[in-house]
Amino acid sequence: MAQTRQVSGRVTDRSTGDGLPGVTVLLKGTSNGVSTNSDGSFTLTTPADGGTLVFTSVGYVSTEQLIGSTNQVNIGLSADTKQLSEVICNWLWPAARASGYNWLYCYN
C-alpha cells in the first residue's frame, strides 16, 4: 500500500503578496490536483517520497516546485507580461441566428 502525506501551502502574487485564488496545483505526471481557495491556500495529498508540484493560473507564469520531504510549500507567481501581437475575432451571426444566440469567436 502506498504511503501518502498532506502538503499544504499558499500561492501569492509575487509583486503584491496577495493570495491568489483559483490557482491549479497539480502533482506533476498525475491527475492529482486541487485549486487554491479564496486566500490562495491549498492542501494536496502527495506520495510520502515527494514529487514536483506544478502551479498554473491564467495571467501568471507557470512554476514547478520540488517538494522533497517538506509538508509546507509557499510560492509566489510572477505575472505573465507576454503580450499578444494579434487577435482575430469572427462574429458567427448567420450560424448563430438559427440557434437564437450571437457568437463571437476570438483566437490568436
N, C-alpha and C. Protein backbone atom coordinates (compact mmCIF):
# COMPACT_ATOMS: atom_id res chain seq x y z
N MET A 1 0.84 -1.17 0.00
CA MET A 1 0.00 0.00 0.00
C MET A 1 0.89 1.25 0.00
N ALA A 2 0.61 2.17 -0.87
CA ALA A 2 1.42 3.38 -0.99
C ALA A 2 1.23 4.30 0.20
N GLN A 3 2.33 4.90 0.63
CA GLN A 3 2.29 5.87 1.72
C GLN A 3 2.04 7.25 1.15
N THR A 4 1.19 8.03 1.82
CA THR A 4 0.89 9.39 1.37
C THR A 4 1.04 10.36 2.54
N ARG A 5 1.03 11.64 2.21
CA ARG A 5 1.08 12.70 3.22
C ARG A 5 0.38 13.93 2.67
N GLN A 6 0.07 14.85 3.54
CA GLN A 6 -0.58 16.10 3.16
C GLN A 6 0.48 17.20 2.99
N VAL A 7 0.43 17.89 1.87
CA VAL A 7 1.28 19.06 1.63
C VAL A 7 0.35 20.26 1.54
N SER A 8 0.63 21.28 2.33
CA SER A 8 -0.18 22.49 2.34
C SER A 8 0.69 23.67 1.96
N GLY A 9 0.04 24.77 1.64
CA GLY A 9 0.80 25.97 1.34
C GLY A 9 -0.09 27.10 0.90
N ARG A 10 0.56 28.15 0.42
CA ARG A 10 -0.16 29.33 -0.04
C ARG A 10 0.52 29.86 -1.29
N VAL A 11 -0.29 30.25 -2.27
CA VAL A 11 0.21 30.82 -3.51
C VAL A 11 -0.13 32.30 -3.53
N THR A 12 0.88 33.14 -3.77
CA THR A 12 0.68 34.58 -3.76
C THR A 12 1.16 35.21 -5.06
N ASP A 13 0.71 36.42 -5.29
CA ASP A 13 1.21 37.23 -6.39
C ASP A 13 2.57 37.76 -5.93
N ARG A 14 3.61 37.47 -6.70
CA ARG A 14 4.97 37.83 -6.29
C ARG A 14 5.15 39.33 -6.09
N SER A 15 4.46 40.15 -6.88
CA SER A 15 4.67 41.60 -6.79
C SER A 15 3.87 42.25 -5.66
N THR A 16 2.71 41.70 -5.33
CA THR A 16 1.86 42.33 -4.30
C THR A 16 1.82 41.57 -2.98
N GLY A 17 2.09 40.27 -3.03
CA GLY A 17 1.99 39.44 -1.83
C GLY A 17 0.59 38.98 -1.53
N ASP A 18 -0.37 39.36 -2.36
CA ASP A 18 -1.76 38.94 -2.15
C ASP A 18 -1.94 37.48 -2.53
N GLY A 19 -2.80 36.77 -1.78
CA GLY A 19 -3.12 35.39 -2.09
C GLY A 19 -3.85 35.29 -3.42
N LEU A 20 -3.57 34.24 -4.18
CA LEU A 20 -4.18 34.05 -5.50
C LEU A 20 -5.20 32.90 -5.44
N PRO A 21 -6.48 33.23 -5.58
CA PRO A 21 -7.50 32.17 -5.63
C PRO A 21 -7.53 31.51 -7.01
N GLY A 22 -7.94 30.25 -7.05
CA GLY A 22 -8.16 29.55 -8.31
C GLY A 22 -6.91 29.09 -9.04
N VAL A 23 -5.75 29.10 -8.39
CA VAL A 23 -4.52 28.58 -9.00
C VAL A 23 -4.60 27.06 -8.98
N THR A 24 -4.28 26.42 -10.09
CA THR A 24 -4.25 24.96 -10.15
C THR A 24 -2.91 24.47 -9.60
N VAL A 25 -2.98 23.57 -8.63
CA VAL A 25 -1.80 22.95 -8.04
C VAL A 25 -1.89 21.47 -8.39
N LEU A 26 -0.95 21.00 -9.21
CA LEU A 26 -1.01 19.64 -9.75
C LEU A 26 0.27 18.89 -9.44
N LEU A 27 0.16 17.64 -9.00
CA LEU A 27 1.32 16.79 -8.81
C LEU A 27 1.77 16.35 -10.20
N LYS A 28 2.96 16.77 -10.60
CA LYS A 28 3.46 16.54 -11.96
C LYS A 28 3.40 15.07 -12.33
N GLY A 29 2.93 14.81 -13.56
CA GLY A 29 2.84 13.45 -14.07
C GLY A 29 1.61 12.69 -13.63
N THR A 30 0.70 13.37 -12.93
CA THR A 30 -0.52 12.72 -12.45
C THR A 30 -1.72 13.63 -12.75
N SER A 31 -2.89 13.15 -12.41
CA SER A 31 -4.10 13.99 -12.49
C SER A 31 -4.51 14.43 -11.09
N ASN A 32 -3.62 14.24 -10.12
CA ASN A 32 -3.87 14.60 -8.73
C ASN A 32 -3.62 16.09 -8.55
N GLY A 33 -4.69 16.85 -8.32
CA GLY A 33 -4.51 18.28 -8.15
C GLY A 33 -5.68 18.93 -7.44
N VAL A 34 -5.48 20.19 -7.06
CA VAL A 34 -6.50 20.99 -6.39
C VAL A 34 -6.38 22.43 -6.88
N SER A 35 -7.35 23.25 -6.52
CA SER A 35 -7.30 24.68 -6.78
C SER A 35 -7.16 25.40 -5.45
N THR A 36 -6.46 26.53 -5.46
CA THR A 36 -6.32 27.31 -4.24
C THR A 36 -7.66 27.94 -3.87
N ASN A 37 -7.85 28.18 -2.57
CA ASN A 37 -9.10 28.79 -2.10
C ASN A 37 -9.01 30.31 -2.22
N SER A 38 -9.93 31.01 -1.60
CA SER A 38 -10.04 32.46 -1.78
C SER A 38 -8.83 33.25 -1.29
N ASP A 39 -8.05 32.68 -0.37
CA ASP A 39 -6.85 33.41 0.09
C ASP A 39 -5.55 32.81 -0.46
N GLY A 40 -5.67 31.88 -1.43
CA GLY A 40 -4.50 31.29 -2.06
C GLY A 40 -3.97 30.04 -1.39
N SER A 41 -4.68 29.54 -0.39
CA SER A 41 -4.22 28.35 0.34
C SER A 41 -4.66 27.07 -0.35
N PHE A 42 -3.90 26.00 -0.13
CA PHE A 42 -4.24 24.68 -0.70
C PHE A 42 -3.72 23.59 0.21
N THR A 43 -4.32 22.40 0.08
CA THR A 43 -3.84 21.18 0.71
C THR A 43 -4.00 20.07 -0.30
N LEU A 44 -2.94 19.29 -0.49
CA LEU A 44 -2.93 18.25 -1.51
C LEU A 44 -2.30 16.99 -0.92
N THR A 45 -2.91 15.84 -1.20
CA THR A 45 -2.34 14.56 -0.80
C THR A 45 -1.30 14.16 -1.84
N THR A 46 -0.08 13.88 -1.37
CA THR A 46 1.03 13.52 -2.26
C THR A 46 1.67 12.23 -1.76
N PRO A 47 2.49 11.61 -2.61
CA PRO A 47 3.24 10.44 -2.13
C PRO A 47 4.20 10.84 -1.01
N ALA A 48 4.45 9.94 -0.11
CA ALA A 48 5.35 10.22 1.01
C ALA A 48 6.76 10.54 0.53
N ASP A 49 7.16 9.99 -0.62
CA ASP A 49 8.52 10.22 -1.12
C ASP A 49 8.65 11.52 -1.91
N GLY A 50 7.61 12.33 -1.95
CA GLY A 50 7.70 13.66 -2.57
C GLY A 50 7.22 13.68 -4.00
N GLY A 51 7.79 14.58 -4.77
CA GLY A 51 7.39 14.79 -6.14
C GLY A 51 7.57 16.25 -6.49
N THR A 52 6.96 16.66 -7.58
CA THR A 52 7.04 18.05 -8.02
C THR A 52 5.64 18.60 -8.19
N LEU A 53 5.40 19.79 -7.64
CA LEU A 53 4.12 20.46 -7.81
C LEU A 53 4.23 21.46 -8.95
N VAL A 54 3.18 21.54 -9.76
CA VAL A 54 3.11 22.49 -10.86
C VAL A 54 1.99 23.47 -10.54
N PHE A 55 2.31 24.77 -10.55
CA PHE A 55 1.37 25.83 -10.23
C PHE A 55 1.04 26.59 -11.51
N THR A 56 -0.25 26.64 -11.89
CA THR A 56 -0.65 27.35 -13.11
C THR A 56 -1.88 28.21 -12.84
N SER A 57 -1.88 29.37 -13.48
CA SER A 57 -3.01 30.29 -13.40
C SER A 57 -2.97 31.22 -14.59
N VAL A 58 -4.12 31.56 -15.12
CA VAL A 58 -4.21 32.48 -16.25
C VAL A 58 -3.62 33.82 -15.84
N GLY A 59 -2.73 34.34 -16.68
CA GLY A 59 -2.12 35.64 -16.41
C GLY A 59 -0.84 35.57 -15.60
N TYR A 60 -0.42 34.35 -15.23
CA TYR A 60 0.80 34.16 -14.45
C TYR A 60 1.69 33.11 -15.12
N VAL A 61 2.99 33.22 -14.88
CA VAL A 61 3.95 32.25 -15.41
C VAL A 61 3.83 30.96 -14.60
N SER A 62 3.67 29.84 -15.28
CA SER A 62 3.61 28.54 -14.60
C SER A 62 4.94 28.26 -13.91
N THR A 63 4.86 27.65 -12.72
CA THR A 63 6.05 27.39 -11.93
C THR A 63 6.00 25.97 -11.38
N GLU A 64 7.17 25.32 -11.33
CA GLU A 64 7.29 23.99 -10.73
C GLU A 64 8.11 24.11 -9.46
N GLN A 65 7.74 23.30 -8.46
CA GLN A 65 8.46 23.31 -7.18
C GLN A 65 8.63 21.88 -6.70
N LEU A 66 9.88 21.44 -6.53
CA LEU A 66 10.18 20.14 -5.96
C LEU A 66 9.80 20.19 -4.48
N ILE A 67 9.01 19.20 -4.01
CA ILE A 67 8.56 19.26 -2.62
C ILE A 67 9.44 18.48 -1.67
N GLY A 68 10.20 17.52 -2.17
CA GLY A 68 11.09 16.77 -1.28
C GLY A 68 10.35 16.22 -0.08
N SER A 69 10.88 16.47 1.12
CA SER A 69 10.26 15.93 2.33
C SER A 69 9.46 16.98 3.09
N THR A 70 9.34 18.18 2.54
CA THR A 70 8.61 19.24 3.24
C THR A 70 7.10 19.03 3.17
N ASN A 71 6.41 19.54 4.17
CA ASN A 71 4.95 19.48 4.20
C ASN A 71 4.33 20.85 3.96
N GLN A 72 5.16 21.87 3.77
CA GLN A 72 4.68 23.24 3.59
C GLN A 72 5.38 23.85 2.36
N VAL A 73 4.58 24.30 1.38
CA VAL A 73 5.12 24.92 0.17
C VAL A 73 4.41 26.25 -0.05
N ASN A 74 5.14 27.33 0.13
CA ASN A 74 4.62 28.67 -0.16
C ASN A 74 5.37 29.20 -1.37
N ILE A 75 4.62 29.74 -2.34
CA ILE A 75 5.25 30.15 -3.59
C ILE A 75 4.61 31.42 -4.11
N GLY A 76 5.40 32.26 -4.73
CA GLY A 76 4.90 33.47 -5.38
C GLY A 76 4.96 33.31 -6.88
N LEU A 77 3.87 33.63 -7.56
CA LEU A 77 3.84 33.56 -9.02
C LEU A 77 4.06 34.95 -9.60
N SER A 78 4.80 34.98 -10.70
CA SER A 78 5.05 36.24 -11.41
C SER A 78 4.01 36.44 -12.50
N ALA A 79 3.58 37.68 -12.68
CA ALA A 79 2.64 37.99 -13.74
C ALA A 79 3.28 37.69 -15.09
N ASP A 80 2.48 37.15 -16.00
CA ASP A 80 2.95 36.86 -17.35
C ASP A 80 2.81 38.12 -18.18
N THR A 81 3.92 38.73 -18.53
CA THR A 81 3.89 40.01 -19.24
C THR A 81 3.92 39.84 -20.74
N LYS A 82 3.88 38.59 -21.21
CA LYS A 82 3.85 38.32 -22.64
C LYS A 82 2.57 38.93 -23.23
N GLN A 83 2.72 39.68 -24.29
CA GLN A 83 1.57 40.32 -24.91
C GLN A 83 1.27 39.67 -26.25
N LEU A 84 0.01 39.57 -26.55
CA LEU A 84 -0.40 39.04 -27.85
C LEU A 84 -0.13 40.08 -28.93
N SER A 85 0.39 39.63 -30.05
CA SER A 85 0.66 40.57 -31.13
C SER A 85 -0.57 40.76 -32.02
N GLU A 86 -1.47 39.81 -31.99
CA GLU A 86 -2.63 39.89 -32.87
C GLU A 86 -3.74 39.00 -32.35
N VAL A 87 -4.96 39.49 -32.39
CA VAL A 87 -6.13 38.71 -32.03
C VAL A 87 -7.11 38.82 -33.17
N ILE A 88 -7.63 37.69 -33.61
CA ILE A 88 -8.58 37.66 -34.71
C ILE A 88 -9.94 37.23 -34.15
N CYS A 89 -10.98 38.00 -34.45
CA CYS A 89 -12.32 37.69 -33.97
C CYS A 89 -13.26 37.50 -35.15
N ASN A 90 -14.12 36.51 -35.04
CA ASN A 90 -15.14 36.24 -36.05
C ASN A 90 -16.50 36.28 -35.38
N TRP A 91 -17.39 37.04 -35.95
CA TRP A 91 -18.76 37.08 -35.44
C TRP A 91 -19.55 36.07 -36.24
N LEU A 92 -20.09 35.07 -35.60
CA LEU A 92 -20.75 33.96 -36.28
C LEU A 92 -22.26 34.16 -36.28
N TRP A 93 -22.71 35.32 -36.77
CA TRP A 93 -24.12 35.64 -36.73
C TRP A 93 -24.99 34.71 -37.56
N PRO A 94 -24.67 34.44 -38.83
CA PRO A 94 -25.59 33.59 -39.60
C PRO A 94 -25.82 32.21 -38.98
N ALA A 95 -24.75 31.59 -38.52
CA ALA A 95 -24.89 30.26 -37.91
C ALA A 95 -25.60 30.37 -36.56
N ALA A 96 -25.35 31.44 -35.84
CA ALA A 96 -25.95 31.61 -34.52
C ALA A 96 -27.42 32.00 -34.61
N ARG A 97 -27.79 32.65 -35.69
CA ARG A 97 -29.17 33.13 -35.84
C ARG A 97 -30.18 32.00 -35.70
N ALA A 98 -29.86 30.85 -36.28
CA ALA A 98 -30.77 29.72 -36.21
C ALA A 98 -30.93 29.21 -34.78
N SER A 99 -29.86 29.34 -33.97
CA SER A 99 -29.93 28.84 -32.61
C SER A 99 -30.46 29.89 -31.63
N GLY A 100 -30.59 31.14 -32.08
CA GLY A 100 -31.08 32.19 -31.22
C GLY A 100 -30.00 32.89 -30.42
N TYR A 101 -28.73 32.60 -30.70
CA TYR A 101 -27.62 33.21 -29.97
C TYR A 101 -26.70 33.95 -30.94
N ASN A 102 -26.00 34.93 -30.42
CA ASN A 102 -24.92 35.58 -31.16
C ASN A 102 -23.60 35.02 -30.64
N TRP A 103 -22.69 34.66 -31.52
CA TRP A 103 -21.41 34.08 -31.12
C TRP A 103 -20.27 34.94 -31.61
N LEU A 104 -19.31 35.19 -30.73
CA LEU A 104 -18.09 35.90 -31.09
C LEU A 104 -16.94 34.96 -30.73
N TYR A 105 -16.15 34.57 -31.74
CA TYR A 105 -15.06 33.64 -31.54
C TYR A 105 -13.75 34.36 -31.78
N CYS A 106 -12.85 34.35 -30.79
CA CYS A 106 -11.56 35.03 -30.92
C CYS A 106 -10.43 34.04 -30.71
N TYR A 107 -9.33 34.25 -31.42
CA TYR A 107 -8.13 33.42 -31.27
C TYR A 107 -6.92 34.24 -31.65
N ASN A 108 -5.74 33.77 -31.24
CA ASN A 108 -4.51 34.48 -31.62
C ASN A 108 -3.64 33.60 -32.45
